[in-house]
C-alpha atoms as a PDB file:
ATOM      1  CA  UNK A   1       5.217  -5.667   3.040  1.00  0.00           C
ATOM      2  CA  UNK A   2       1.959  -4.416   4.417  1.00  0.00           C
ATOM      3  CA  UNK A   3      -0.084  -2.770   1.672  1.00  0.00           C
ATOM      4  CA  UNK A   4      -2.034  -0.544   4.041  1.00  0.00           C
ATOM      5  CA  UNK A   5      -2.836   2.974   2.894  1.00  0.00           C
ATOM      6  CA  UNK A   6      -2.682   5.746   5.465  1.00  0.00           C
ATOM      7  CA  UNK A   7      -5.517   8.228   4.838  1.00  0.00           C
ATOM      8  CA  UNK A   8      -5.189  11.678   6.318  1.00  0.00           C
ATOM      9  CA  UNK A   9      -8.417  13.720   6.054  1.00  0.00           C
ATOM     10  CA  UNK A  10      -8.738  17.487   6.194  1.00  0.00           C
ATOM     11  CA  UNK A  11     -10.690  18.898   9.111  1.00  0.00           C
ATOM     12  CA  UNK A  12     -10.855  22.089  11.125  1.00  0.00           C
ATOM     13  CA  UNK A  13      -7.974  20.765  13.234  1.00  0.00           C
ATOM     14  CA  UNK A  14      -5.449  18.268  11.901  1.00  0.00           C
ATOM     15  CA  UNK A  15      -5.711  15.162  14.094  1.00  0.00           C
ATOM     16  CA  UNK A  16      -2.755  12.869  14.817  1.00  0.00           C
ATOM     17  CA  UNK A  17      -2.240   9.970  12.427  1.00  0.00           C
ATOM     18  CA  UNK A  18       0.300   7.208  12.054  1.00  0.00           C
ATOM     19  CA  UNK A  19       1.784   6.033   8.775  1.00  0.00           C
ATOM     20  CA  UNK A  20       2.468   2.422   7.866  1.00  0.00           C
ATOM     21  CA  UNK A  21       6.117   2.223   6.833  1.00  0.00           C
ATOM     22  CA  UNK A  22       7.340  -0.143   4.150  1.00  0.00           C
ATOM     23  CA  UNK A  23       7.836  -3.233   6.282  1.00  0.00           C
ATOM     24  CA  UNK A  24      10.874  -4.990   4.821  1.00  0.00           C
ATOM     25  CA  UNK A  25      13.664  -4.869   2.298  1.00  0.00           C
ATOM     26  CA  UNK A  26      12.562  -5.550  -1.275  1.00  0.00           C
ATOM     27  CA  UNK A  27      14.692  -8.478  -2.433  1.00  0.00           C
ATOM     28  CA  UNK A  28      15.748  -9.268  -5.971  1.00  0.00           C
ATOM     29  CA  UNK A  29      14.049 -12.349  -7.330  1.00  0.00           C
ATOM     30  CA  UNK A  30      10.988 -11.727  -5.144  1.00  0.00           C
ATOM     31  CA  UNK A  31       7.787 -10.044  -6.398  1.00  0.00           C
ATOM     32  CA  UNK A  32       8.074  -6.263  -6.196  1.00  0.00           C
ATOM     33  CA  UNK A  33       5.547  -4.934  -3.701  1.00  0.00           C
ATOM     34  CA  UNK A  34       3.802  -1.587  -4.323  1.00  0.00           C
ATOM     35  CA  UNK A  35       4.467   1.538  -2.245  1.00  0.00           C
ATOM     36  CA  UNK A  36       2.633   2.503   0.926  1.00  0.00           C
ATOM     37  CA  UNK A  37       1.003   5.814   0.121  1.00  0.00           C
ATOM     38  CA  UNK A  38       0.271   8.753   2.361  1.00  0.00           C
ATOM     39  CA  UNK A  39      -3.045  10.197   1.219  1.00  0.00           C
ATOM     40  CA  UNK A  40      -5.090  13.240   2.115  1.00  0.00           C
ATOM     41  CA  UNK A  41      -8.484  14.679   1.291  1.00  0.00           C
ATOM     42  CA  UNK A  42      -8.149  17.992  -0.532  1.00  0.00           C
ATOM     43  CA  UNK A  43     -10.469  21.005  -0.304  1.00  0.00           C
ATOM     44  CA  UNK A  44     -12.764  19.412  -2.928  1.00  0.00           C
ATOM     45  CA  UNK A  45     -13.099  16.130  -1.041  1.00  0.00           C
ATOM     46  CA  UNK A  46     -10.869  14.312  -3.549  1.00  0.00           C
ATOM     47  CA  UNK A  47      -8.425  11.768  -2.077  1.00  0.00           C
ATOM     48  CA  UNK A  48      -4.916  12.624  -3.295  1.00  0.00           C
ATOM     49  CA  UNK A  49      -1.456  11.114  -2.792  1.00  0.00           C
ATOM     50  CA  UNK A  50       0.998  13.412  -1.037  1.00  0.00           C
ATOM     51  CA  UNK A  51       3.815  10.982  -0.301  1.00  0.00           C
ATOM     52  CA  UNK A  52       5.003   7.449   0.402  1.00  0.00           C
ATOM     53  CA  UNK A  53       7.036   5.748   3.115  1.00  0.00           C
ATOM     54  CA  UNK A  54      10.473   4.176   3.358  1.00  0.00           C
ATOM     55  CA  UNK A  55      11.535   0.859   4.850  1.00  0.00           C
ATOM     56  CA  UNK A  56      13.301   0.952   8.228  1.00  0.00           C
ATOM     57  CA  UNK A  57      16.658  -0.398   7.084  1.00  0.00           C
ATOM     58  CA  UNK A  58      19.851   0.125   9.115  1.00  0.00           C
ATOM     59  CA  UNK A  59      23.107   1.093   7.414  1.00  0.00           C
ATOM     60  CA  UNK A  60      21.245   2.669   4.472  1.00  0.00           C
ATOM     61  CA  UNK A  61      20.898   6.423   5.151  1.00  0.00           C
ATOM     62  CA  UNK A  62      18.764   8.329   2.665  1.00  0.00           C
ATOM     63  CA  UNK A  63      17.212  11.774   2.352  1.00  0.00           C
ATOM     64  CA  UNK A  64      15.082  13.239  -0.396  1.00  0.00           C
ATOM     65  CA  UNK A  65      12.126  15.328  -1.467  1.00  0.00           C
ATOM     66  CA  UNK A  66       8.938  13.788  -2.850  1.00  0.00           C
ATOM     67  CA  UNK A  67       7.436  16.099  -5.454  1.00  0.00           C
ATOM     68  CA  UNK A  68       3.851  15.197  -6.231  1.00  0.00           C
ATOM     69  CA  UNK A  69       1.706  16.462  -9.074  1.00  0.00           C
ATOM     70  CA  UNK A  70      -2.037  15.961  -9.523  1.00  0.00           C
ATOM     71  CA  UNK A  71      -3.446  16.635 -12.973  1.00  0.00           C
ATOM     72  CA  UNK A  72      -7.191  16.779 -13.554  1.00  0.00           C
ATOM     73  CA  UNK A  73      -9.069  17.367 -16.792  1.00  0.00           C
ATOM     74  CA  UNK A  74     -12.619  18.719 -16.707  1.00  0.00           C
ATOM     75  CA  UNK A  75     -15.447  17.882 -19.119  1.00  0.00           C
ATOM     76  CA  UNK A  76     -14.379  20.777 -21.377  1.00  0.00           C
ATOM     77  CA  UNK A  77     -10.844  19.458 -21.724  1.00  0.00           C
ATOM     78  CA  UNK A  78      -9.243  22.081 -19.481  1.00  0.00           C
ATOM     79  CA  UNK A  79      -6.332  20.778 -17.411  1.00  0.00           C
ATOM     80  CA  UNK A  80      -5.528  21.782 -13.837  1.00  0.00           C
ATOM     81  CA  UNK A  81      -2.260  20.882 -12.104  1.00  0.00           C
ATOM     82  CA  UNK A  82      -1.724  20.958  -8.339  1.00  0.00           C
ATOM     83  CA  UNK A  83       1.661  20.321  -6.740  1.00  0.00           C
ATOM     84  CA  UNK A  84       2.761  19.310  -3.246  1.00  0.00           C
ATOM     85  CA  UNK A  85       6.107  18.510  -1.629  1.00  0.00           C
ATOM     86  CA  UNK A  86       7.108  16.132   1.174  1.00  0.00           C
ATOM     87  CA  UNK A  87      10.451  15.229   2.719  1.00  0.00           C
ATOM     88  CA  UNK A  88      11.711  11.810   3.814  1.00  0.00           C
ATOM     89  CA  UNK A  89      14.737  10.832   5.898  1.00  0.00           C
ATOM     90  CA  UNK A  90      16.305   7.536   7.002  1.00  0.00           C
ATOM     91  CA  UNK A  91      19.378   7.333   9.238  1.00  0.00           C
ATOM     92  CA  UNK A  92      21.993   4.605   9.682  1.00  0.00           C
ATOM     93  CA  UNK A  93      19.993   3.140  12.570  1.00  0.00           C
ATOM     94  CA  UNK A  94      16.887   2.685  10.413  1.00  0.00           C
ATOM     95  CA  UNK A  95      14.954   5.522  12.058  1.00  0.00           C
ATOM     96  CA  UNK A  96      12.554   7.351   9.734  1.00  0.00           C
ATOM     97  CA  UNK A  97      11.157  10.869   9.423  1.00  0.00           C
ATOM     98  CA  UNK A  98       8.404  11.885   6.984  1.00  0.00           C
ATOM     99  CA  UNK A  99       7.333  15.525   6.640  1.00  0.00           C
ATOM    100  CA  UNK A 100       4.036  16.096   4.824  1.00  0.00           C
ATOM    101  CA  UNK A 101       2.335  19.331   3.808  1.00  0.00           C
ATOM    102  CA  UNK A 102      -1.187  19.285   2.410  1.00  0.00           C
ATOM    103  CA  UNK A 103      -0.896  22.926   1.392  1.00  0.00           C
ATOM    104  CA  UNK A 104      -0.529  23.094  -2.369  1.00  0.00           C
ATOM    105  CA  UNK A 105       2.614  24.813  -3.604  1.00  0.00           C
ATOM    106  CA  UNK A 106       1.783  28.454  -4.312  1.00  0.00           C
ATOM    107  CA  UNK A 107      -1.408  28.445  -2.216  1.00  0.00           C
ATOM    108  CA  UNK A 108      -1.860  30.225   1.132  1.00  0.00           C
ATOM    109  CA  UNK A 109      -0.274  28.192   3.922  1.00  0.00           C
ATOM    110  CA  UNK A 110      -2.313  26.737   6.765  1.00  0.00           C
ATOM    111  CA  UNK A 111       0.108  25.616   9.481  1.00  0.00           C
ATOM    112  CA  UNK A 112      -2.417  23.042  10.695  1.00  0.00           C
ATOM    113  CA  UNK A 113      -1.919  21.043   7.499  1.00  0.00           C
ATOM    114  CA  UNK A 114       1.766  20.358   8.146  1.00  0.00           C
ATOM    115  CA  UNK A 115       2.619  17.075   9.872  1.00  0.00           C
ATOM    116  CA  UNK A 116       5.731  15.097  10.838  1.00  0.00           C
ATOM    117  CA  UNK A 117       5.961  11.347  11.378  1.00  0.00           C
ATOM    118  CA  UNK A 118       8.940   9.778  13.155  1.00  0.00           C
ATOM    119  CA  UNK A 119       9.764   6.116  13.626  1.00  0.00           C
ATOM    120  CA  UNK A 120      12.431   5.600  16.322  1.00  0.00           C
ATOM    121  CA  UNK A 121      14.108   2.308  15.419  1.00  0.00           C
ATOM    122  CA  UNK A 122      15.878   2.109  18.792  1.00  0.00           C
ATOM    123  CA  UNK A 123      12.736   2.170  20.930  1.00  0.00           C
ATOM    124  CA  UNK A 124      10.515   0.892  18.058  1.00  0.00           C
ATOM    125  CA  UNK A 125       8.154   3.769  18.727  1.00  0.00           C
ATOM    126  CA  UNK A 126       5.985   5.802  16.343  1.00  0.00           C
ATOM    127  CA  UNK A 127       5.799   9.535  16.990  1.00  0.00           C
ATOM    128  CA  UNK A 128       3.461  12.023  15.352  1.00  0.00           C
ATOM    129  CA  UNK A 129       4.486  15.699  15.601  1.00  0.00           C
ATOM    130  CA  UNK A 130       1.924  18.462  15.096  1.00  0.00           C
ATOM    131  CA  UNK A 131       4.087  21.590  14.717  1.00  0.00           C
ATOM    132  CA  UNK A 132       1.335  24.209  14.728  1.00  0.00           C
ATOM    133  CA  UNK A 133       0.429  23.520  18.389  1.00  0.00           C
ATOM    134  CA  UNK A 134       3.696  21.824  19.410  1.00  0.00           C
ATOM    135  CA  UNK A 135       2.118  18.471  20.261  1.00  0.00           C
ATOM    136  CA  UNK A 136       3.758  15.057  20.061  1.00  0.00           C
ATOM    137  CA  UNK A 137       1.620  11.902  20.001  1.00  0.00           C
ATOM    138  CA  UNK A 138       3.552   8.762  20.913  1.00  0.00           C
ATOM    139  CA  UNK A 139       2.199   5.334  19.995  1.00  0.00           C
ATOM    140  CA  UNK A 140       3.001   2.731  22.614  1.00  0.00           C
ATOM    141  CA  UNK A 141       2.245  -0.984  22.538  1.00  0.00           C
ATOM    142  CA  UNK A 142       0.725  -2.573  25.625  1.00  0.00           C
ATOM    143  CA  UNK A 143       3.549  -5.093  25.886  1.00  0.00           C
ATOM    144  CA  UNK A 144       6.368  -2.554  26.147  1.00  0.00           C
ATOM    145  CA  UNK A 145       8.845  -4.028  28.637  1.00  0.00           C
ATOM    146  CA  UNK A 146      10.324  -0.590  29.293  1.00  0.00           C
ATOM    147  CA  UNK A 147       9.287   2.960  28.410  1.00  0.00           C
ATOM    148  CA  UNK A 148      10.780   4.388  25.216  1.00  0.00           C
ATOM    149  CA  UNK A 149      13.842   6.592  25.583  1.00  0.00           C
ATOM    150  CA  UNK A 150      13.586   9.875  23.680  1.00  0.00           C
ATOM    151  CA  UNK A 151      17.129  10.954  24.475  1.00  0.00           C
ATOM    152  CA  UNK A 152      20.325  10.180  22.570  1.00  0.00           C
ATOM    153  CA  UNK A 153      20.080   7.062  20.442  1.00  0.00           C
ATOM    154  CA  UNK A 154      22.542   4.305  21.443  1.00  0.00           C
ATOM    155  CA  UNK A 155      22.755   3.144  17.839  1.00  0.00           C
ATOM    156  CA  UNK A 156      26.327   1.964  17.224  1.00  0.00           C
ATOM    157  CA  UNK A 157      26.117   0.690  13.670  1.00  0.00           C
ATOM    158  CA  UNK A 158      28.603   1.353  10.878  1.00  0.00           C
ATOM    159  CA  UNK A 159      30.643   4.574  11.024  1.00  0.00           C
ATOM    160  CA  UNK A 160      28.954   7.619   9.563  1.00  0.00           C
ATOM    161  CA  UNK A 161      29.931   8.833   6.149  1.00  0.00           C
ATOM    162  CA  UNK A 162      33.217  10.754   6.245  1.00  0.00           C
ATOM    163  CA  UNK A 163      33.470  14.257   4.900  1.00  0.00           C
ATOM    164  CA  UNK A 164      34.783  14.238   1.390  1.00  0.00           C
ATOM    165  CA  UNK A 165      33.262  10.856   0.548  1.00  0.00           C
ATOM    166  CA  UNK A 166      31.173  10.924  -2.629  1.00  0.00           C
ATOM    167  CA  UNK A 167      27.462  11.324  -2.055  1.00  0.00           C
ATOM    168  CA  UNK A 168      25.079   9.957  -4.658  1.00  0.00           C
ATOM    169  CA  UNK A 169      22.702  12.630  -5.892  1.00  0.00           C
ATOM    170  CA  UNK A 170      19.974  12.438  -8.513  1.00  0.00           C
ATOM    171  CA  UNK A 171      18.275  15.603  -9.720  1.00  0.00           C
ATOM    172  CA  UNK A 172      17.242  14.993 -13.329  1.00  0.00           C
ATOM    173  CA  UNK A 173      13.683  14.838 -14.584  1.00  0.00           C
ATOM    174  CA  UNK A 174      12.172  11.343 -14.575  1.00  0.00           C
ATOM    175  CA  UNK A 175      12.696  10.201 -18.173  1.00  0.00           C
ATOM    176  CA  UNK A 176      12.823   6.478 -18.729  1.00  0.00           C
ATOM    177  CA  UNK A 177      14.887   4.580 -21.248  1.00  0.00           C
ATOM    178  CA  UNK A 178      13.441   1.490 -23.005  1.00  0.00           C
ATOM    179  CA  UNK A 179      13.274  -1.747 -21.038  1.00  0.00           C
ATOM    180  CA  UNK A 180      16.576  -3.526 -20.633  1.00  0.00           C
ATOM    181  CA  UNK A 181      15.519  -6.904 -19.265  1.00  0.00           C
ATOM    182  CA  UNK A 182      12.868  -9.546 -19.646  1.00  0.00           C
ATOM    183  CA  UNK A 183       9.678  -8.780 -17.673  1.00  0.00           C
ATOM    184  CA  UNK A 184       8.216 -10.913 -14.928  1.00  0.00           C
ATOM    185  CA  UNK A 185       4.489 -11.363 -14.538  1.00  0.00           C
ATOM    186  CA  UNK A 186       2.378 -12.636 -11.692  1.00  0.00           C
ATOM    187  CA  UNK A 187      -1.161 -12.219 -10.442  1.00  0.00           C
ATOM    188  CA  UNK A 188      -2.291 -11.605  -6.901  1.00  0.00           C
ATOM    189  CA  UNK A 189      -6.052 -12.263  -6.823  1.00  0.00           C
ATOM    190  CA  UNK A 190      -7.195 -10.851  -3.507  1.00  0.00           C
ATOM    191  CA  UNK A 191      -9.893  -8.660  -2.081  1.00  0.00           C
ATOM    192  CA  UNK A 192      -9.588  -5.693   0.243  1.00  0.00           C
ATOM    193  CA  UNK A 193     -10.919  -7.743   3.138  1.00  0.00           C
ATOM    194  CA  UNK A 194     -14.201  -6.079   4.040  1.00  0.00           C
ATOM    195  CA  UNK A 195     -16.138  -7.829   6.793  1.00  0.00           C
ATOM    196  CA  UNK A 196     -19.066 -10.025   5.791  1.00  0.00           C
ATOM    197  CA  UNK A 197     -19.963 -11.482   2.407  1.00  0.00           C
ATOM    198  CA  UNK A 198     -19.588  -9.139  -0.537  1.00  0.00           C
ATOM    199  CA  UNK A 199     -20.150 -10.163  -4.150  1.00  0.00           C
ATOM    200  CA  UNK A 200     -18.692  -6.893  -5.456  1.00  0.00           C
ATOM    201  CA  UNK A 201     -15.120  -6.598  -4.268  1.00  0.00           C
ATOM    202  CA  UNK A 202     -12.230  -5.245  -6.325  1.00  0.00           C
ATOM    203  CA  UNK A 203      -9.675  -7.481  -8.017  1.00  0.00           C
ATOM    204  CA  UNK A 204      -5.983  -6.663  -7.650  1.00  0.00           C
ATOM    205  CA  UNK A 205      -3.493  -7.620 -10.370  1.00  0.00           C
ATOM    206  CA  UNK A 206       0.237  -7.015  -9.974  1.00  0.00           C
ATOM    207  CA  UNK A 207       2.979  -7.550 -12.505  1.00  0.00           C
ATOM    208  CA  UNK A 208       6.650  -6.735 -12.906  1.00  0.00           C
ATOM    209  CA  UNK A 209       7.600  -5.174 -16.248  1.00  0.00           C
ATOM    210  CA  UNK A 210      11.365  -5.474 -16.166  1.00  0.00           C
ATOM    211  CA  UNK A 211      14.287  -3.155 -15.445  1.00  0.00           C
ATOM    212  CA  UNK A 212      14.420   0.368 -16.861  1.00  0.00           C
ATOM    213  CA  UNK A 213      16.934   3.194 -16.529  1.00  0.00           C
ATOM    214  CA  UNK A 214      16.156   6.547 -14.894  1.00  0.00           C
ATOM    215  CA  UNK A 215      18.892   9.127 -14.314  1.00  0.00           C
ATOM    216  CA  UNK A 216      21.518   6.415 -14.704  1.00  0.00           C
ATOM    217  CA  UNK A 217      19.856   4.134 -12.150  1.00  0.00           C
ATOM    218  CA  UNK A 218      18.565   0.659 -12.925  1.00  0.00           C
ATOM    219  CA  UNK A 219      15.018   0.520 -11.593  1.00  0.00           C
ATOM    220  CA  UNK A 220      12.502  -2.286 -11.285  1.00  0.00           C
ATOM    221  CA  UNK A 221       9.222  -1.334 -12.955  1.00  0.00           C
ATOM    222  CA  UNK A 222       6.071  -2.715 -11.359  1.00  0.00           C
ATOM    223  CA  UNK A 223       2.387  -2.160 -12.007  1.00  0.00           C
ATOM    224  CA  UNK A 224      -0.716  -2.659  -9.891  1.00  0.00           C
ATOM    225  CA  UNK A 225      -4.173  -2.604 -11.444  1.00  0.00           C
ATOM    226  CA  UNK A 226      -7.196  -2.509  -9.153  1.00  0.00           C
ATOM    227  CA  UNK A 227     -10.544  -3.105 -10.891  1.00  0.00           C
ATOM    228  CA  UNK A 228     -13.547  -1.860  -8.927  1.00  0.00           C
ATOM    229  CA  UNK A 229     -16.936  -3.319  -9.906  1.00  0.00           C
ATOM    230  CA  UNK A 230     -20.054  -1.250 -10.422  1.00  0.00           C
ATOM    231  CA  UNK A 231     -21.751  -0.498  -7.142  1.00  0.00           C
ATOM    232  CA  UNK A 232     -18.566  -0.629  -5.087  1.00  0.00           C
ATOM    233  CA  UNK A 233     -18.781   1.923  -2.267  1.00  0.00           C
ATOM    234  CA  UNK A 234     -21.741   3.531  -3.943  1.00  0.00           C
ATOM    235  CA  UNK A 235     -20.103   4.156  -7.321  1.00  0.00           C
ATOM    236  CA  UNK A 236     -22.547   3.559 -10.158  1.00  0.00           C
ATOM    237  CA  UNK A 237     -20.054   2.452 -12.809  1.00  0.00           C
ATOM    238  CA  UNK A 238     -17.077   0.116 -12.746  1.00  0.00           C
ATOM    239  CA  UNK A 239     -13.651   1.749 -12.806  1.00  0.00           C
ATOM    240  CA  UNK A 240      -9.952   0.936 -12.493  1.00  0.00           C
ATOM    241  CA  UNK A 241      -6.920   2.515 -10.839  1.00  0.00           C
ATOM    242  CA  UNK A 242      -3.556   1.720 -12.439  1.00  0.00           C
ATOM    243  CA  UNK A 243      -0.357   2.472 -10.537  1.00  0.00           C
ATOM    244  CA  UNK A 244       3.100   2.195 -12.109  1.00  0.00           C
ATOM    245  CA  UNK A 245       6.116   2.359  -9.822  1.00  0.00           C
ATOM    246  CA  UNK A 246       9.878   2.310 -10.334  1.00  0.00           C
ATOM    247  CA  UNK A 247      12.049   0.980  -7.491  1.00  0.00           C
ATOM    248  CA  UNK A 248      15.778   1.265  -6.806  1.00  0.00           C
ATOM    249  CA  UNK A 249      17.368  -1.823  -5.274  1.00  0.00           C
ATOM    250  CA  UNK A 250      20.459   0.223  -4.440  1.00  0.00           C
ATOM    251  CA  UNK A 251      18.517   2.881  -2.538  1.00  0.00           C
ATOM    252  CA  UNK A 252      15.758   0.538  -1.329  1.00  0.00           C
ATOM    253  CA  UNK A 253      13.257   3.249  -2.234  1.00  0.00           C
ATOM    254  CA  UNK A 254      10.741   4.133  -4.910  1.00  0.00           C
ATOM    255  CA  UNK A 255      11.994   6.820  -7.287  1.00  0.00           C
ATOM    256  CA  UNK A 256       8.972   7.419  -9.521  1.00  0.00           C
ATOM    257  CA  UNK A 257       5.272   6.595  -9.207  1.00  0.00           C
ATOM    258  CA  UNK A 258       2.439   7.315 -11.624  1.00  0.00           C
ATOM    259  CA  UNK A 259      -1.200   6.575 -10.904  1.00  0.00           C
ATOM    260  CA  UNK A 260      -4.097   6.912 -13.344  1.00  0.00           C
ATOM    261  CA  UNK A 261      -7.593   6.825 -11.905  1.00  0.00           C
ATOM    262  CA  UNK A 262     -11.177   7.671 -12.778  1.00  0.00           C
ATOM    263  CA  UNK A 263     -12.424  11.218 -13.462  1.00  0.00           C
ATOM    264  CA  UNK A 264      -9.364  11.993 -15.603  1.00  0.00           C
ATOM    265  CA  UNK A 265      -7.007  12.232 -12.641  1.00  0.00           C
ATOM    266  CA  UNK A 266      -3.290  11.482 -13.060  1.00  0.00           C
ATOM    267  CA  UNK A 267      -1.005  11.591 -10.011  1.00  0.00           C
ATOM    268  CA  UNK A 268       2.793  11.551 -10.294  1.00  0.00           C
ATOM    269  CA  UNK A 269       5.337  11.353  -7.472  1.00  0.00           C
ATOM    270  CA  UNK A 270       9.080  11.723  -8.023  1.00  0.00           C
ATOM    271  CA  UNK A 271      11.856  11.351  -5.455  1.00  0.00           C
ATOM    272  CA  UNK A 272      14.360  14.161  -6.029  1.00  0.00           C
ATOM    273  CA  UNK A 273      17.378  15.751  -4.316  1.00  0.00           C
ATOM    274  CA  UNK A 274      18.461  12.313  -3.147  1.00  0.00           C
ATOM    275  CA  UNK A 275      21.468  12.071  -0.859  1.00  0.00           C
ATOM    276  CA  UNK A 276      22.885   9.035   0.905  1.00  0.00           C
ATOM    277  CA  UNK A 277      24.576  10.786   3.817  1.00  0.00           C
ATOM    278  CA  UNK A 278      23.369  10.373   7.391  1.00  0.00           C
ATOM    279  CA  UNK A 279      20.743  12.960   8.475  1.00  0.00           C
ATOM    280  CA  UNK A 280      21.328  14.930  11.677  1.00  0.00           C
ATOM    281  CA  UNK A 281      20.116  13.063  14.761  1.00  0.00           C
ATOM    282  CA  UNK A 282      17.822  15.887  15.956  1.00  0.00           C
ATOM    283  CA  UNK A 283      15.437  15.128  13.089  1.00  0.00           C
ATOM    284  CA  UNK A 284      14.406  11.900  14.850  1.00  0.00           C
ATOM    285  CA  UNK A 285      13.718  13.394  18.286  1.00  0.00           C
ATOM    286  CA  UNK A 286      10.808  15.255  19.843  1.00  0.00           C
ATOM    287  CA  UNK A 287      11.768  18.954  19.870  1.00  0.00           C
ATOM    288  CA  UNK A 288      11.992  20.845  23.111  1.00  0.00           C
ATOM    289  CA  UNK A 289       8.823  22.612  24.169  1.00  0.00           C
ATOM    290  CA  UNK A 290       6.458  19.970  22.731  1.00  0.00           C
ATOM    291  CA  UNK A 291       3.674  18.511  24.869  1.00  0.00           C
ATOM    292  CA  UNK A 292       3.836  14.703  24.762  1.00  0.00           C
ATOM    293  CA  UNK A 293       0.608  12.656  24.578  1.00  0.00           C
ATOM    294  CA  UNK A 294       0.926   8.878  24.807  1.00  0.00           C
ATOM    295  CA  UNK A 295      -1.406   6.571  22.869  1.00  0.00           C
ATOM    296  CA  UNK A 296      -1.655   2.987  24.145  1.00  0.00           C
ATOM    297  CA  UNK A 297      -2.332   0.236  21.629  1.00  0.00           C
ATOM    298  CA  UNK A 298      -2.639  -3.526  21.619  1.00  0.00           C
ATOM    299  CA  UNK A 299      -0.431  -5.582  19.306  1.00  0.00           C
ATOM    300  CA  UNK A 300      -3.321  -6.183  16.882  1.00  0.00           C
ATOM    301  CA  UNK A 301      -4.243  -2.506  16.842  1.00  0.00           C
ATOM    302  CA  UNK A 302      -0.625  -1.583  16.190  1.00  0.00           C
ATOM    303  CA  UNK A 303      -0.555  -3.854  13.142  1.00  0.00           C
ATOM    304  CA  UNK A 304      -3.667  -2.142  11.819  1.00  0.00           C
ATOM    305  CA  UNK A 305      -2.665   1.372  12.910  1.00  0.00           C
ATOM    306  CA  UNK A 306      -5.934   2.211  14.678  1.00  0.00           C
ATOM    307  CA  UNK A 307      -5.674   4.685  17.546  1.00  0.00           C
ATOM    308  CA  UNK A 308      -6.692   3.909  21.127  1.00  0.00           C
ATOM    309  CA  UNK A 309      -6.434   6.466  23.948  1.00  0.00           C
ATOM    310  CA  UNK A 310      -4.112   5.697  26.820  1.00  0.00           C
ATOM    311  CA  UNK A 311      -5.824   4.863  30.077  1.00  0.00           C
END
């Protein structure tokens, strides 16, 4: 799985961006890979996590709400909590939809800070919807053999869930039971890959801490610790960011994530209101009335999610 982080920065106008989806199925017996975060710069210039992505997996429909909470503690010990909400969808074809809103819950709403990402698994096309001005930005690779079709999907996978079939739902607060299996541990010593020689790059350590139970689900508990040396990106002192994440093999999705960073910041993301029924197909299409802008990209640029204007 690519461990790229998609950073969405606040500006006067929200520019189009494309999110790196979880690349593959997480298999049992293989090292648990961390989530791909969707991040944004808040009004104070602080980078915060507002969501994470799903894997494009056919025959595994899933919908849910990501509730994120950012807790900061000032030098006087006063705590401030900010909350955001995002929505994620995956249909039986493996198409994805991610709705993000940088507006904090309870704060005045700026329509420009609402964004929708769609991955069409049929045409293998990424689409970025900007609702406030009804724009759709379509990412195309240079080697497309045929133009993507934004009409009805020809996906003919397993039959959709019948009415009356039980739908798995999980609404409880994220409270973990003690570990129920032996932990695995491994180290991934790697740098972030900056160009040129650099004697001060962060070290990344990942480990798996066993299986724990949340809301009746058996979840794999993983942890990533990134140690940043003094002087990294202009920071005077060394610091660490520790991310714990709990993953459901059954859902093929993260259910709970907690990240502790410098400056007394704790970020928590919980996947709630989970259903395993197929979402309506209109969620994965460009709505009527939207202006479509095509972005052409080379294969290498697509892998790195860097935009290039179409010629």
